[in-house]
Amino acid sequence: MEIDFLISTKGKILPVEVKSSPKVGYADARSIESFMKHRHSLVPLGIVVYSGREIVEIRKNIWGIPDWLLFVGL
């Protein structure tokens, strides 16, 4: 299993998976969930960036975030 990015700040870690698909599902968050289980105190949530339109909760505390939202306001 692998995770595309790990962002560390203020003693916490944010795992980020990136998908080119316009939809995300349960399987897309498998690596993040495994990572969170082993480091639960450091990893309160994870995100899967994808090319869709909605913010969706894929698994507990793992959210699908549309890629275009990352650039709003730039």
PDB file of N, CA and C in Angstrom:
ATOM      1  N   MET A   1       0.854  -1.186   0.000  1.00  0.00           N
ATOM      2  CA  MET A   1       0.000   0.000   0.000  1.00  0.00           C
ATOM      3  C   MET A   1       0.892   1.239   0.000  1.00  0.00           C
ATOM      4  N   GLU A   2       0.369   2.264  -0.636  1.00  0.00           N
ATOM      5  CA  GLU A   2       1.103   3.522  -0.673  1.00  0.00           C
ATOM      6  C   GLU A   2       0.125   4.682  -0.609  1.00  0.00           C
ATOM      7  N   ILE A   3       0.659   5.833  -0.213  1.00  0.00           N
ATOM      8  CA  ILE A   3      -0.114   7.068  -0.154  1.00  0.00           C
ATOM      9  C   ILE A   3       0.673   8.098  -0.954  1.00  0.00           C
ATOM     10  N   ASP A   4      -0.012   8.904  -1.750  1.00  0.00           N
ATOM     11  CA  ASP A   4       0.671   9.835  -2.637  1.00  0.00           C
ATOM     12  C   ASP A   4       1.410  10.952  -1.899  1.00  0.00           C
ATOM     13  N   PHE A   5       0.784  11.557  -0.895  1.00  0.00           N
ATOM     14  CA  PHE A   5       1.405  12.654  -0.165  1.00  0.00           C
ATOM     15  C   PHE A   5       1.108  12.542   1.323  1.00  0.00           C
ATOM     16  N   LEU A   6       2.066  12.961   2.133  1.00  0.00           N
ATOM     17  CA  LEU A   6       1.862  13.124   3.572  1.00  0.00           C
ATOM     18  C   LEU A   6       2.228  14.563   3.902  1.00  0.00           C
ATOM     19  N   ILE A   7       1.266  15.301   4.417  1.00  0.00           N
ATOM     20  CA  ILE A   7       1.492  16.689   4.803  1.00  0.00           C
ATOM     21  C   ILE A   7       1.558  16.732   6.321  1.00  0.00           C
ATOM     22  N   SER A   8       2.651  17.259   6.846  1.00  0.00           N
ATOM     23  CA  SER A   8       2.854  17.309   8.290  1.00  0.00           C
ATOM     24  C   SER A   8       2.844  18.759   8.766  1.00  0.00           C
ATOM     25  N   THR A   9       2.060  19.020   9.814  1.00  0.00           N
ATOM     26  CA  THR A   9       2.005  20.354  10.389  1.00  0.00           C
ATOM     27  C   THR A   9       1.523  20.283  11.835  1.00  0.00           C
ATOM     28  N   LYS A  10       2.153  21.022  12.697  1.00  0.00           N
ATOM     29  CA  LYS A  10       1.761  21.132  14.106  1.00  0.00           C
ATOM     30  C   LYS A  10       1.541  19.775  14.772  1.00  0.00           C
ATOM     31  N   GLY A  11       2.421  18.818  14.494  1.00  0.00           N
ATOM     32  CA  GLY A  11       2.339  17.519  15.140  1.00  0.00           C
ATOM     33  C   GLY A  11       1.287  16.581  14.591  1.00  0.00           C
ATOM     34  N   LYS A  12       0.630  16.952  13.507  1.00  0.00           N
ATOM     35  CA  LYS A  12      -0.383  16.101  12.862  1.00  0.00           C
ATOM     36  C   LYS A  12       0.065  15.768  11.440  1.00  0.00           C
ATOM     37  N   ILE A  13      -0.500  14.698  10.903  1.00  0.00           N
ATOM     38  CA  ILE A  13      -0.195  14.271   9.546  1.00  0.00           C
ATOM     39  C   ILE A  13      -1.489  14.174   8.761  1.00  0.00           C
ATOM     40  N   LEU A  14      -1.479  14.709   7.541  1.00  0.00           N
ATOM     41  CA  LEU A  14      -2.623  14.614   6.642  1.00  0.00           C
ATOM     42  C   LEU A  14      -2.218  13.735   5.454  1.00  0.00           C
ATOM     43  N   PRO A  15      -2.743  12.507   5.370  1.00  0.00           N
ATOM     44  CA  PRO A  15      -2.473  11.674   4.204  1.00  0.00           C
ATOM     45  C   PRO A  15      -3.375  12.095   3.041  1.00  0.00           C
ATOM     46  N   VAL A  16      -2.777  12.182   1.854  1.00  0.00           N
ATOM     47  CA  VAL A  16      -3.502  12.633   0.667  1.00  0.00           C
ATOM     48  C   VAL A  16      -3.281  11.630  -0.467  1.00  0.00           C
ATOM     49  N   GLU A  17      -4.360  11.133  -1.001  1.00  0.00           N
ATOM     50  CA  GLU A  17      -4.333  10.255  -2.170  1.00  0.00           C
ATOM     51  C   GLU A  17      -4.904  11.060  -3.334  1.00  0.00           C
ATOM     52  N   VAL A  18      -4.352  10.901  -4.533  1.00  0.00           N
ATOM     53  CA  VAL A  18      -4.813  11.642  -5.698  1.00  0.00           C
ATOM     54  C   VAL A  18      -5.305  10.651  -6.752  1.00  0.00           C
ATOM     55  N   LYS A  19      -6.517  10.887  -7.236  1.00  0.00           N
ATOM     56  CA  LYS A  19      -7.135  10.037  -8.256  1.00  0.00           C
ATOM     57  C   LYS A  19      -7.562  10.901  -9.437  1.00  0.00           C
ATOM     58  N   SER A  20      -7.431  10.390 -10.641  1.00  0.00           N
ATOM     59  CA  SER A  20      -7.851  11.147 -11.826  1.00  0.00           C
ATOM     60  C   SER A  20      -9.321  10.894 -12.178  1.00  0.00           C
ATOM     61  N   SER A  21      -9.956  10.011 -11.464  1.00  0.00           N
ATOM     62  CA  SER A  21     -11.334   9.625 -11.741  1.00  0.00           C
ATOM     63  C   SER A  21     -12.335  10.705 -11.312  1.00  0.00           C
ATOM     64  N   PRO A  22     -13.470  10.823 -12.023  1.00  0.00           N
ATOM     65  CA  PRO A  22     -14.517  11.754 -11.592  1.00  0.00           C
ATOM     66  C   PRO A  22     -15.371  11.217 -10.439  1.00  0.00           C
ATOM     67  N   LYS A  23     -15.117   9.976 -10.023  1.00  0.00           N
ATOM     68  CA  LYS A  23     -15.826   9.384  -8.885  1.00  0.00           C
ATOM     69  C   LYS A  23     -14.819   8.697  -7.970  1.00  0.00           C
ATOM     70  N   VAL A  24     -15.128   8.686  -6.675  1.00  0.00           N
ATOM     71  CA  VAL A  24     -14.307   7.966  -5.710  1.00  0.00           C
ATOM     72  C   VAL A  24     -15.201   7.024  -4.918  1.00  0.00           C
ATOM     73  N   GLY A  25     -14.613   5.954  -4.443  1.00  0.00           N
ATOM     74  CA  GLY A  25     -15.379   4.979  -3.690  1.00  0.00           C
ATOM     75  C   GLY A  25     -14.586   4.422  -2.525  1.00  0.00           C
ATOM     76  N   TYR A  26     -15.193   3.495  -1.856  1.00  0.00           N
ATOM     77  CA  TYR A  26     -14.656   2.889  -0.642  1.00  0.00           C
ATOM     78  C   TYR A  26     -13.224   2.375  -0.833  1.00  0.00           C
ATOM     79  N   ALA A  27     -12.961   1.707  -1.939  1.00  0.00           N
ATOM     80  CA  ALA A  27     -11.637   1.122  -2.192  1.00  0.00           C
ATOM     81  C   ALA A  27     -10.549   2.187  -2.354  1.00  0.00           C
ATOM     82  N   ASP A  28     -10.911   3.384  -2.796  1.00  0.00           N
ATOM     83  CA  ASP A  28      -9.928   4.444  -3.012  1.00  0.00           C
ATOM     84  C   ASP A  28      -9.297   4.949  -1.719  1.00  0.00           C
ATOM     85  N   ALA A  29      -9.907   4.663  -0.595  1.00  0.00           N
ATOM     86  CA  ALA A  29      -9.414   5.148   0.693  1.00  0.00           C
ATOM     87  C   ALA A  29      -8.762   4.054   1.537  1.00  0.00           C
ATOM     88  N   ARG A  30      -8.567   2.886   0.974  1.00  0.00           N
ATOM     89  CA  ARG A  30      -8.033   1.742   1.722  1.00  0.00           C
ATOM     90  C   ARG A  30      -6.657   2.039   2.333  1.00  0.00           C
ATOM     91  N   SER A  31      -5.738   2.586   1.558  1.00  0.00           N
ATOM     92  CA  SER A  31      -4.384   2.873   2.064  1.00  0.00           C
ATOM     93  C   SER A  31      -4.410   3.918   3.174  1.00  0.00           C
ATOM     94  N   ILE A  32      -5.231   4.933   2.986  1.00  0.00           N
ATOM     95  CA  ILE A  32      -5.321   5.984   4.010  1.00  0.00           C
ATOM     96  C   ILE A  32      -5.894   5.415   5.300  1.00  0.00           C
ATOM     97  N   GLU A  33      -6.940   4.612   5.204  1.00  0.00           N
ATOM     98  CA  GLU A  33      -7.532   4.032   6.408  1.00  0.00           C
ATOM     99  C   GLU A  33      -6.519   3.167   7.160  1.00  0.00           C
ATOM    100  N   SER A  34      -5.755   2.381   6.453  1.00  0.00           N
ATOM    101  CA  SER A  34      -4.737   1.544   7.084  1.00  0.00           C
ATOM    102  C   SER A  34      -3.690   2.407   7.785  1.00  0.00           C
ATOM    103  N   PHE A  35      -3.255   3.462   7.123  1.00  0.00           N
ATOM    104  CA  PHE A  35      -2.278   4.389   7.699  1.00  0.00           C
ATOM    105  C   PHE A  35      -2.840   5.042   8.961  1.00  0.00           C
ATOM    106  N   MET A  36      -4.095   5.445   8.928  1.00  0.00           N
ATOM    107  CA  MET A  36      -4.728   6.107  10.070  1.00  0.00           C
ATOM    108  C   MET A  36      -4.857   5.166  11.262  1.00  0.00           C
ATOM    109  N   LYS A  37      -5.159   3.904  11.028  1.00  0.00           N
ATOM    110  CA  LYS A  37      -5.319   2.939  12.117  1.00  0.00           C
ATOM    111  C   LYS A  37      -4.032   2.756  12.912  1.00  0.00           C
ATOM    112  N   HIS A  38      -2.909   2.816  12.240  1.00  0.00           N
ATOM    113  CA  HIS A  38      -1.618   2.596  12.906  1.00  0.00           C
ATOM    114  C   HIS A  38      -1.041   3.860  13.524  1.00  0.00           C
ATOM    115  N   ARG A  39      -1.604   5.005  13.202  1.00  0.00           N
ATOM    116  CA  ARG A  39      -1.092   6.282  13.717  1.00  0.00           C
ATOM    117  C   ARG A  39      -2.242   7.186  14.151  1.00  0.00           C
ATOM    118  N   HIS A  40      -3.259   6.596  14.759  1.00  0.00           N
ATOM    119  CA  HIS A  40      -4.519   7.296  15.026  1.00  0.00           C
ATOM    120  C   HIS A  40      -4.371   8.617  15.768  1.00  0.00           C
ATOM    121  N   SER A  41      -3.424   8.755  16.679  1.00  0.00           N
ATOM    122  CA  SER A  41      -3.306  10.007  17.432  1.00  0.00           C
ATOM    123  C   SER A  41      -2.696  11.127  16.592  1.00  0.00           C
ATOM    124  N   LEU A  42      -1.968  10.781  15.537  1.00  0.00           N
ATOM    125  CA  LEU A  42      -1.324  11.782  14.684  1.00  0.00           C
ATOM    126  C   LEU A  42      -2.124  12.117  13.426  1.00  0.00           C
ATOM    127  N   VAL A  43      -3.103  11.281  13.094  1.00  0.00           N
ATOM    128  CA  VAL A  43      -3.798  11.406  11.812  1.00  0.00           C
ATOM    129  C   VAL A  43      -5.308  11.484  12.044  1.00  0.00           C
ATOM    130  N   PRO A  44      -5.847  12.696  12.262  1.00  0.00           N
ATOM    131  CA  PRO A  44      -7.280  12.812  12.538  1.00  0.00           C
ATOM    132  C   PRO A  44      -8.178  12.621  11.311  1.00  0.00           C
ATOM    133  N   LEU A  45      -7.648  12.867  10.114  1.00  0.00           N
ATOM    134  CA  LEU A  45      -8.444  12.686   8.902  1.00  0.00           C
ATOM    135  C   LEU A  45      -7.533  12.522   7.699  1.00  0.00           C
ATOM    136  N   GLY A  46      -8.134  12.090   6.598  1.00  0.00           N
ATOM    137  CA  GLY A  46      -7.405  11.932   5.349  1.00  0.00           C
ATOM    138  C   GLY A  46      -8.262  12.424   4.206  1.00  0.00           C
ATOM    139  N   ILE A  47      -7.611  12.733   3.073  1.00  0.00           N
ATOM    140  CA  ILE A  47      -8.373  13.178   1.916  1.00  0.00           C
ATOM    141  C   ILE A  47      -7.930  12.447   0.653  1.00  0.00           C
ATOM    142  N   VAL A  48      -8.906  12.280  -0.225  1.00  0.00           N
ATOM    143  CA  VAL A  48      -8.666  11.757  -1.569  1.00  0.00           C
ATOM    144  C   VAL A  48      -9.074  12.873  -2.515  1.00  0.00           C
ATOM    145  N   VAL A  49      -8.103  13.412  -3.241  1.00  0.00           N
ATOM    146  CA  VAL A  49      -8.374  14.464  -4.216  1.00  0.00           C
ATOM    147  C   VAL A  49      -8.750  13.777  -5.528  1.00  0.00           C
ATOM    148  N   TYR A  50      -9.855  14.216  -6.112  1.00  0.00           N
ATOM    149  CA  TYR A  50     -10.324  13.583  -7.351  1.00  0.00           C
ATOM    150  C   TYR A  50     -10.959  14.631  -8.256  1.00  0.00           C
ATOM    151  N   SER A  51     -11.275  14.253  -9.488  1.00  0.00           N
ATOM    152  CA  SER A  51     -11.764  15.225 -10.467  1.00  0.00           C
ATOM    153  C   SER A  51     -13.283  15.356 -10.503  1.00  0.00           C
ATOM    154  N   GLY A  52     -13.942  15.048  -9.409  1.00  0.00           N
ATOM    155  CA  GLY A  52     -15.401  15.134  -9.337  1.00  0.00           C
ATOM    156  C   GLY A  52     -15.906  16.502  -8.936  1.00  0.00           C
ATOM    157  N   ARG A  53     -17.142  16.541  -8.483  1.00  0.00           N
ATOM    158  CA  ARG A  53     -17.794  17.815  -8.174  1.00  0.00           C
ATOM    159  C   ARG A  53     -18.236  17.962  -6.718  1.00  0.00           C
ATOM    160  N   GLU A  54     -18.255  16.880  -5.951  1.00  0.00           N
ATOM    161  CA  GLU A  54     -18.818  16.933  -4.600  1.00  0.00           C
ATOM    162  C   GLU A  54     -17.784  16.535  -3.544  1.00  0.00           C
ATOM    163  N   ILE A  55     -17.949  17.114  -2.366  1.00  0.00           N
ATOM    164  CA  ILE A  55     -17.197  16.651  -1.197  1.00  0.00           C
ATOM    165  C   ILE A  55     -17.987  15.478  -0.626  1.00  0.00           C
ATOM    166  N   VAL A  56     -17.338  14.332  -0.493  1.00  0.00           N
ATOM    167  CA  VAL A  56     -18.025  13.131  -0.021  1.00  0.00           C
ATOM    168  C   VAL A  56     -17.187  12.431   1.051  1.00  0.00           C
ATOM    169  N   GLU A  57     -17.863  11.879   2.051  1.00  0.00           N
ATOM    170  CA  GLU A  57     -17.156  11.074   3.032  1.00  0.00           C
ATOM    171  C   GLU A  57     -17.086   9.645   2.486  1.00  0.00           C
ATOM    172  N   ILE A  58     -15.858   9.164   2.256  1.00  0.00           N
ATOM    173  CA  ILE A  58     -15.649   7.854   1.654  1.00  0.00           C
ATOM    174  C   ILE A  58     -15.635   6.772   2.728  1.00  0.00           C
ATOM    175  N   ARG A  59     -14.901   7.009   3.779  1.00  0.00           N
ATOM    176  CA  ARG A  59     -14.844   6.162   4.973  1.00  0.00           C
ATOM    177  C   ARG A  59     -14.821   7.110   6.154  1.00  0.00           C
ATOM    178  N   LYS A  60     -14.877   6.573   7.350  1.00  0.00           N
ATOM    179  CA  LYS A  60     -14.898   7.439   8.534  1.00  0.00           C
ATOM    180  C   LYS A  60     -13.659   8.343   8.540  1.00  0.00           C
ATOM    181  N   ASN A  61     -13.901   9.654   8.549  1.00  0.00           N
ATOM    182  CA  ASN A  61     -12.864  10.683   8.587  1.00  0.00           C
ATOM    183  C   ASN A  61     -11.952  10.696   7.367  1.00  0.00           C
ATOM    184  N   ILE A  62     -12.410  10.131   6.265  1.00  0.00           N
ATOM    185  CA  ILE A  62     -11.677  10.197   5.002  1.00  0.00           C
ATOM    186  C   ILE A  62     -12.624  10.787   3.963  1.00  0.00           C
ATOM    187  N   TRP A  63     -12.203  11.910   3.410  1.00  0.00           N
ATOM    188  CA  TRP A  63     -13.090  12.690   2.552  1.00  0.00           C
ATOM    189  C   TRP A  63     -12.566  12.764   1.124  1.00  0.00           C
ATOM    190  N   GLY A  64     -13.475  12.661   0.164  1.00  0.00           N
ATOM    191  CA  GLY A  64     -13.174  12.931  -1.232  1.00  0.00           C
ATOM    192  C   GLY A  64     -13.371  14.412  -1.476  1.00  0.00           C
ATOM    193  N   ILE A  65     -12.322  15.069  -1.977  1.00  0.00           N
ATOM    194  CA  ILE A  65     -12.349  16.507  -2.217  1.00  0.00           C
ATOM    195  C   ILE A  65     -12.098  16.759  -3.707  1.00  0.00           C
ATOM    196  N   PRO A  66     -12.987  17.474  -4.397  1.00  0.00           N
ATOM    197  CA  PRO A  66     -12.758  17.777  -5.801  1.00  0.00           C
ATOM    198  C   PRO A  66     -11.480  18.613  -5.989  1.00  0.00           C
ATOM    199  N   ASP A  67     -10.721  18.275  -7.017  1.00  0.00           N
ATOM    200  CA  ASP A  67      -9.446  18.955  -7.259  1.00  0.00           C
ATOM    201  C   ASP A  67      -9.617  20.458  -7.476  1.00  0.00           C
ATOM    202  N   TRP A  68     -10.683  20.879  -8.117  1.00  0.00           N
ATOM    203  CA  TRP A  68     -10.881  22.298  -8.402  1.00  0.00           C
ATOM    204  C   TRP A  68     -11.041  23.120  -7.134  1.00  0.00           C
ATOM    205  N   LEU A  69     -11.470  22.503  -6.039  1.00  0.00           N
ATOM    206  CA  LEU A  69     -11.615  23.248  -4.775  1.00  0.00           C
ATOM    207  C   LEU A  69     -10.265  23.662  -4.196  1.00  0.00           C
ATOM    208  N   LEU A  70      -9.219  22.947  -4.556  1.00  0.00           N
ATOM    209  CA  LEU A  70      -7.894  23.296  -4.057  1.00  0.00           C
ATOM    210  C   LEU A  70      -7.395  24.616  -4.591  1.00  0.00           C
ATOM    211  N   PHE A  71      -7.967  25.071  -5.696  1.00  0.00           N
ATOM    212  CA  PHE A  71      -7.466  26.263  -6.358  1.00  0.00           C
ATOM    213  C   PHE A  71      -8.448  27.427  -6.353  1.00  0.00           C
ATOM    214  N   VAL A  72      -9.527  27.308  -5.601  1.00  0.00           N
ATOM    215  CA  VAL A  72     -10.489  28.405  -5.494  1.00  0.00           C
ATOM    216  C   VAL A  72      -9.793  29.590  -4.811  1.00  0.00           C
ATOM    217  N   GLY A  73      -9.918  30.740  -5.405  1.00  0.00           N
ATOM    218  CA  GLY A  73      -9.344  31.936  -4.814  1.00  0.00           C
ATOM    219  C   GLY A  73      -7.927  32.236  -5.274  1.00  0.00           C
ATOM    220  N   LEU A  74      -7.350  31.388  -6.111  1.00  0.00           N
ATOM    221  CA  LEU A  74      -6.002  31.666  -6.604  1.00  0.00           C
ATOM    222  C   LEU A  74      -6.036  32.590  -7.791  1.00  0.00           C
TER     223      LEU A  74
END
